[in-house]
Amino acid sequence: KRYIRGQTIVWWGFSSCTTAVNVLNSNQFLGAKGDRTMFTLHCLSAKDIRKHSYYPAEDEVLLMAATQFKVIGCLNQDNLHIIQLEETSPPFSLLQPVPVVVSPPINPTLPSK
């Protein structure tokens, strides 16, 4: 009910995701009982973090904060809800860069004799 086909949404948080569907066999991720939601993403800006992950076999990618998506479709199978999203470009930047302030170098002066 929350995700409507054709709707544009913004994913505001950083999220750990996987490109390997077999990872979902683990009860730790999707499970087999109760209400569950799985997002399938067509995403261009996610960053591959396998080389930095404690679990490189999980094919982990990091979804950037403030990523905009269009809802492509939804499927409700018993207690499993599948939401299909496709990344889109927002009309303007959703995050502002943090200004970097650089302090001037310290030049010690020696007392003159």
N, C-alpha and C. Protein backbone atom coordinates (compact mmCIF):
# COMPACT_ATOMS: atom_id res chain seq x y z
N LYS A 1 0.82 -1.20 0.00
CA LYS A 1 0.00 0.00 0.00
C LYS A 1 0.86 1.26 0.00
N ARG A 2 2.04 1.15 0.60
CA ARG A 2 2.90 2.32 0.71
C ARG A 2 3.61 2.64 -0.60
N TYR A 3 3.89 1.62 -1.40
CA TYR A 3 4.60 1.80 -2.66
C TYR A 3 3.63 1.60 -3.82
N ILE A 4 3.46 2.65 -4.61
CA ILE A 4 2.51 2.64 -5.71
C ILE A 4 3.28 2.71 -7.03
N ARG A 5 2.91 1.85 -7.97
CA ARG A 5 3.59 1.81 -9.27
C ARG A 5 3.62 3.21 -9.90
N GLY A 6 4.82 3.62 -10.36
CA GLY A 6 4.99 4.93 -10.98
C GLY A 6 5.39 6.02 -10.00
N GLN A 7 5.26 5.75 -8.72
CA GLN A 7 5.60 6.74 -7.68
C GLN A 7 7.11 6.92 -7.59
N THR A 8 7.54 8.14 -7.31
CA THR A 8 8.96 8.42 -7.07
C THR A 8 9.18 8.46 -5.56
N ILE A 9 10.22 7.75 -5.11
CA ILE A 9 10.56 7.75 -3.69
C ILE A 9 12.04 8.08 -3.53
N VAL A 10 12.42 8.53 -2.35
CA VAL A 10 13.82 8.78 -2.03
C VAL A 10 14.21 7.87 -0.88
N TRP A 11 15.30 7.13 -1.07
CA TRP A 11 15.84 6.26 -0.04
C TRP A 11 16.86 7.10 0.72
N TRP A 12 16.53 7.52 1.93
CA TRP A 12 17.34 8.52 2.64
C TRP A 12 18.54 7.95 3.38
N GLY A 13 18.54 6.69 3.72
CA GLY A 13 19.64 6.14 4.52
C GLY A 13 20.68 5.41 3.69
N PHE A 14 21.88 5.25 4.26
CA PHE A 14 22.88 4.36 3.67
C PHE A 14 22.41 2.94 3.99
N SER A 15 22.43 2.05 3.01
CA SER A 15 21.95 0.69 3.25
C SER A 15 22.89 -0.34 2.63
N SER A 16 23.16 -1.38 3.40
CA SER A 16 23.93 -2.51 2.90
C SER A 16 22.98 -3.41 2.11
N CYS A 17 23.39 -3.75 0.88
CA CYS A 17 22.56 -4.58 -0.01
C CYS A 17 23.44 -5.69 -0.59
N THR A 18 22.82 -6.61 -1.29
CA THR A 18 23.58 -7.68 -1.93
C THR A 18 23.18 -7.79 -3.40
N THR A 19 24.12 -8.25 -4.21
CA THR A 19 23.82 -8.52 -5.62
C THR A 19 23.60 -10.01 -5.84
N ALA A 20 23.74 -10.82 -4.78
CA ALA A 20 23.62 -12.27 -4.87
C ALA A 20 22.34 -12.74 -4.18
N VAL A 21 21.38 -13.20 -4.96
CA VAL A 21 20.09 -13.61 -4.41
C VAL A 21 20.23 -14.81 -3.47
N ASN A 22 21.25 -15.65 -3.65
CA ASN A 22 21.43 -16.82 -2.78
C ASN A 22 21.70 -16.43 -1.33
N VAL A 23 22.15 -15.21 -1.08
CA VAL A 23 22.37 -14.74 0.29
C VAL A 23 21.05 -14.74 1.06
N LEU A 24 19.95 -14.58 0.34
CA LEU A 24 18.64 -14.52 0.99
C LEU A 24 18.17 -15.87 1.52
N ASN A 25 18.90 -16.95 1.23
CA ASN A 25 18.57 -18.26 1.80
C ASN A 25 18.79 -18.28 3.31
N SER A 26 19.64 -17.40 3.81
CA SER A 26 19.92 -17.33 5.24
C SER A 26 18.73 -16.71 5.97
N ASN A 27 18.34 -17.33 7.09
CA ASN A 27 17.26 -16.77 7.91
C ASN A 27 17.62 -15.40 8.46
N GLN A 28 18.92 -15.11 8.52
CA GLN A 28 19.38 -13.82 9.03
C GLN A 28 18.90 -12.67 8.15
N PHE A 29 18.67 -12.92 6.87
CA PHE A 29 18.32 -11.84 5.96
C PHE A 29 16.83 -11.78 5.64
N LEU A 30 16.30 -12.81 5.01
CA LEU A 30 14.90 -12.76 4.57
C LEU A 30 14.00 -13.64 5.42
N GLY A 31 14.50 -14.77 5.85
CA GLY A 31 13.68 -15.69 6.63
C GLY A 31 12.62 -16.36 5.78
N ALA A 32 11.76 -17.14 6.45
CA ALA A 32 10.73 -17.88 5.73
C ALA A 32 9.35 -17.70 6.36
N LYS A 33 9.27 -16.98 7.47
CA LYS A 33 8.00 -16.84 8.18
C LYS A 33 7.70 -15.38 8.44
N GLY A 34 6.42 -15.10 8.64
CA GLY A 34 6.00 -13.76 9.03
C GLY A 34 6.02 -12.79 7.86
N ASP A 35 5.63 -11.56 8.14
CA ASP A 35 5.66 -10.51 7.12
C ASP A 35 7.09 -10.16 6.76
N ARG A 36 7.39 -10.17 5.47
CA ARG A 36 8.74 -9.87 4.98
C ARG A 36 8.62 -8.98 3.76
N THR A 37 9.60 -8.09 3.60
CA THR A 37 9.64 -7.22 2.43
C THR A 37 11.01 -7.33 1.79
N MET A 38 11.02 -7.53 0.48
CA MET A 38 12.26 -7.60 -0.28
C MET A 38 12.20 -6.54 -1.38
N PHE A 39 13.25 -5.74 -1.47
CA PHE A 39 13.35 -4.74 -2.52
C PHE A 39 14.30 -5.28 -3.58
N THR A 40 13.88 -5.22 -4.83
CA THR A 40 14.79 -5.52 -5.94
C THR A 40 15.08 -4.18 -6.61
N LEU A 41 16.37 -3.85 -6.68
CA LEU A 41 16.79 -2.52 -7.14
C LEU A 41 17.55 -2.60 -8.45
N HIS A 42 17.20 -1.74 -9.37
CA HIS A 42 18.04 -1.50 -10.55
C HIS A 42 18.73 -0.18 -10.23
N CYS A 43 19.98 -0.30 -9.79
CA CYS A 43 20.67 0.87 -9.21
C CYS A 43 22.02 1.06 -9.89
N LEU A 44 22.32 2.28 -10.27
CA LEU A 44 23.59 2.59 -10.93
C LEU A 44 24.62 3.19 -9.98
N SER A 45 24.18 3.77 -8.89
CA SER A 45 25.11 4.50 -8.03
C SER A 45 25.58 3.72 -6.80
N ALA A 46 25.09 2.50 -6.59
CA ALA A 46 25.54 1.71 -5.44
C ALA A 46 27.03 1.42 -5.58
N LYS A 47 27.72 1.36 -4.46
CA LYS A 47 29.17 1.15 -4.46
C LYS A 47 29.51 -0.27 -3.99
N ASP A 48 30.34 -0.95 -4.78
CA ASP A 48 30.78 -2.30 -4.44
C ASP A 48 31.74 -2.21 -3.26
N ILE A 49 31.40 -2.87 -2.15
CA ILE A 49 32.26 -2.81 -0.96
C ILE A 49 32.76 -4.21 -0.56
N ARG A 50 32.72 -5.16 -1.49
CA ARG A 50 33.17 -6.53 -1.17
C ARG A 50 34.58 -6.56 -0.60
N LYS A 51 35.47 -5.75 -1.14
CA LYS A 51 36.86 -5.76 -0.68
C LYS A 51 37.00 -5.20 0.73
N HIS A 52 35.98 -4.53 1.22
CA HIS A 52 36.02 -3.90 2.55
C HIS A 52 35.08 -4.58 3.54
N SER A 53 34.36 -5.58 3.08
CA SER A 53 33.35 -6.24 3.90
C SER A 53 33.94 -7.41 4.68
N TYR A 54 33.38 -7.66 5.84
CA TYR A 54 33.77 -8.82 6.63
C TYR A 54 33.27 -10.10 5.97
N TYR A 55 32.25 -9.97 5.11
CA TYR A 55 31.65 -11.11 4.42
C TYR A 55 31.72 -10.90 2.90
N PRO A 56 32.89 -11.05 2.28
CA PRO A 56 33.02 -10.77 0.85
C PRO A 56 32.16 -11.68 -0.03
N ALA A 57 31.80 -12.88 0.44
CA ALA A 57 30.99 -13.79 -0.36
C ALA A 57 29.55 -13.31 -0.50
N GLU A 58 29.15 -12.33 0.29
CA GLU A 58 27.78 -11.81 0.21
C GLU A 58 27.60 -10.79 -0.91
N ASP A 59 28.66 -10.51 -1.66
CA ASP A 59 28.58 -9.55 -2.77
C ASP A 59 27.91 -8.26 -2.32
N GLU A 60 28.44 -7.70 -1.25
CA GLU A 60 27.82 -6.53 -0.62
C GLU A 60 28.08 -5.25 -1.39
N VAL A 61 27.03 -4.47 -1.55
CA VAL A 61 27.13 -3.14 -2.13
C VAL A 61 26.48 -2.16 -1.16
N LEU A 62 26.92 -0.92 -1.22
CA LEU A 62 26.38 0.11 -0.34
C LEU A 62 25.51 1.05 -1.16
N LEU A 63 24.27 1.15 -0.74
CA LEU A 63 23.34 2.07 -1.37
C LEU A 63 23.54 3.44 -0.73
N MET A 64 23.82 4.42 -1.55
CA MET A 64 24.08 5.77 -1.05
C MET A 64 22.81 6.41 -0.49
N ALA A 65 22.99 7.27 0.48
CA ALA A 65 21.86 8.03 1.03
C ALA A 65 21.32 8.98 -0.03
N ALA A 66 20.03 9.26 0.05
CA ALA A 66 19.35 10.20 -0.85
C ALA A 66 19.37 9.72 -2.30
N THR A 67 19.17 8.41 -2.49
CA THR A 67 19.05 7.86 -3.84
C THR A 67 17.58 7.87 -4.23
N GLN A 68 17.30 8.39 -5.41
CA GLN A 68 15.91 8.49 -5.86
C GLN A 68 15.55 7.28 -6.73
N PHE A 69 14.36 6.74 -6.52
CA PHE A 69 13.88 5.58 -7.26
C PHE A 69 12.47 5.81 -7.77
N LYS A 70 12.14 5.08 -8.81
CA LYS A 70 10.76 5.01 -9.30
C LYS A 70 10.26 3.60 -9.00
N VAL A 71 9.05 3.48 -8.48
CA VAL A 71 8.46 2.17 -8.20
C VAL A 71 8.01 1.57 -9.53
N ILE A 72 8.61 0.43 -9.88
CA ILE A 72 8.30 -0.25 -11.14
C ILE A 72 7.16 -1.24 -10.95
N GLY A 73 7.14 -1.91 -9.82
CA GLY A 73 6.08 -2.88 -9.57
C GLY A 73 6.11 -3.39 -8.15
N CYS A 74 5.01 -4.01 -7.74
CA CYS A 74 4.87 -4.59 -6.41
C CYS A 74 4.20 -5.95 -6.54
N LEU A 75 4.62 -6.89 -5.70
CA LEU A 75 4.03 -8.22 -5.68
C LEU A 75 3.84 -8.64 -4.24
N ASN A 76 2.65 -9.08 -3.90
CA ASN A 76 2.37 -9.60 -2.56
C ASN A 76 2.04 -11.08 -2.69
N GLN A 77 2.94 -11.93 -2.17
CA GLN A 77 2.75 -13.38 -2.17
C GLN A 77 2.66 -13.82 -0.72
N ASP A 78 1.46 -14.07 -0.24
CA ASP A 78 1.26 -14.44 1.15
C ASP A 78 1.88 -13.36 2.05
N ASN A 79 2.93 -13.72 2.79
CA ASN A 79 3.56 -12.75 3.70
C ASN A 79 4.84 -12.15 3.14
N LEU A 80 5.13 -12.40 1.87
CA LEU A 80 6.32 -11.84 1.23
C LEU A 80 5.90 -10.72 0.27
N HIS A 81 6.41 -9.54 0.52
CA HIS A 81 6.11 -8.37 -0.31
C HIS A 81 7.38 -8.02 -1.09
N ILE A 82 7.28 -7.98 -2.40
CA ILE A 82 8.43 -7.66 -3.25
C ILE A 82 8.16 -6.33 -3.93
N ILE A 83 9.08 -5.38 -3.73
CA ILE A 83 8.96 -4.05 -4.31
C ILE A 83 10.10 -3.89 -5.31
N GLN A 84 9.78 -3.59 -6.55
CA GLN A 84 10.78 -3.43 -7.61
C GLN A 84 11.00 -1.93 -7.84
N LEU A 85 12.26 -1.49 -7.67
CA LEU A 85 12.60 -0.07 -7.79
C LEU A 85 13.67 0.12 -8.86
N GLU A 86 13.61 1.26 -9.54
CA GLU A 86 14.63 1.62 -10.54
C GLU A 86 15.15 3.02 -10.20
N GLU A 87 16.48 3.15 -10.14
CA GLU A 87 17.07 4.45 -9.81
C GLU A 87 16.78 5.47 -10.90
N THR A 88 16.45 6.67 -10.48
CA THR A 88 16.24 7.79 -11.40
C THR A 88 17.05 8.98 -10.92
N SER A 89 17.26 9.94 -11.79
CA SER A 89 18.01 11.14 -11.42
C SER A 89 17.06 12.21 -10.91
N PRO A 90 17.34 12.75 -9.74
CA PRO A 90 16.48 13.82 -9.23
C PRO A 90 16.70 15.11 -10.03
N PRO A 91 15.72 16.00 -10.04
CA PRO A 91 15.87 17.25 -10.80
C PRO A 91 16.89 18.21 -10.17
N PHE A 92 17.23 17.96 -8.92
CA PHE A 92 18.23 18.78 -8.22
C PHE A 92 18.91 17.90 -7.19
N SER A 93 20.07 18.35 -6.70
CA SER A 93 20.83 17.57 -5.73
C SER A 93 20.04 17.45 -4.42
N LEU A 94 19.94 16.23 -3.92
CA LEU A 94 19.20 16.00 -2.68
C LEU A 94 20.06 16.17 -1.44
N LEU A 95 21.37 16.12 -1.61
CA LEU A 95 22.30 16.34 -0.50
C LEU A 95 23.26 17.45 -0.87
N GLN A 96 23.55 18.30 0.07
CA GLN A 96 24.51 19.37 -0.15
C GLN A 96 25.88 18.90 0.36
N PRO A 97 26.94 19.15 -0.39
CA PRO A 97 28.27 18.76 0.08
C PRO A 97 28.65 19.56 1.32
N VAL A 98 29.38 18.90 2.19
CA VAL A 98 29.85 19.55 3.41
C VAL A 98 31.09 20.36 3.05
N PRO A 99 31.10 21.67 3.40
CA PRO A 99 32.28 22.47 3.08
C PRO A 99 33.49 21.99 3.89
N VAL A 100 34.62 21.96 3.24
CA VAL A 100 35.85 21.56 3.90
C VAL A 100 36.63 22.82 4.25
N VAL A 101 36.90 22.98 5.53
CA VAL A 101 37.65 24.15 5.98
C VAL A 101 39.07 23.69 6.27
N VAL A 102 40.02 24.30 5.59
CA VAL A 102 41.42 23.94 5.75
C VAL A 102 42.11 25.05 6.53
N SER A 103 42.73 24.66 7.64
CA SER A 103 43.46 25.65 8.43
C SER A 103 44.78 25.97 7.75
N PRO A 104 45.22 27.21 7.84
CA PRO A 104 46.52 27.55 7.24
C PRO A 104 47.63 26.83 8.00
N PRO A 105 48.72 26.51 7.31
CA PRO A 105 49.82 25.82 7.99
C PRO A 105 50.44 26.72 9.06
N ILE A 106 50.95 26.08 10.08
CA ILE A 106 51.61 26.83 11.15
C ILE A 106 53.07 27.02 10.76
N ASN A 107 53.50 28.27 10.72
CA ASN A 107 54.88 28.60 10.41
C ASN A 107 55.54 29.13 11.68
N PRO A 108 56.25 28.27 12.38
CA PRO A 108 56.88 28.77 13.61
C PRO A 108 57.97 29.78 13.28
N THR A 109 58.03 30.79 14.07
CA THR A 109 59.10 31.78 13.89
C THR A 109 60.09 31.62 15.03
N LEU A 110 61.33 31.63 14.65
CA LEU A 110 62.38 31.51 15.66
C LEU A 110 62.71 32.89 16.19
N PRO A 111 62.96 32.98 17.49
CA PRO A 111 63.32 34.31 18.04
C PRO A 111 64.63 34.78 17.41
N SER A 112 64.67 36.04 17.09
CA SER A 112 65.89 36.59 16.48
C SER A 112 66.90 36.90 17.57
N LYS A 113 68.18 36.78 17.21
CA LYS A 113 69.26 37.04 18.18
C LYS A 113 69.75 38.44 18.09
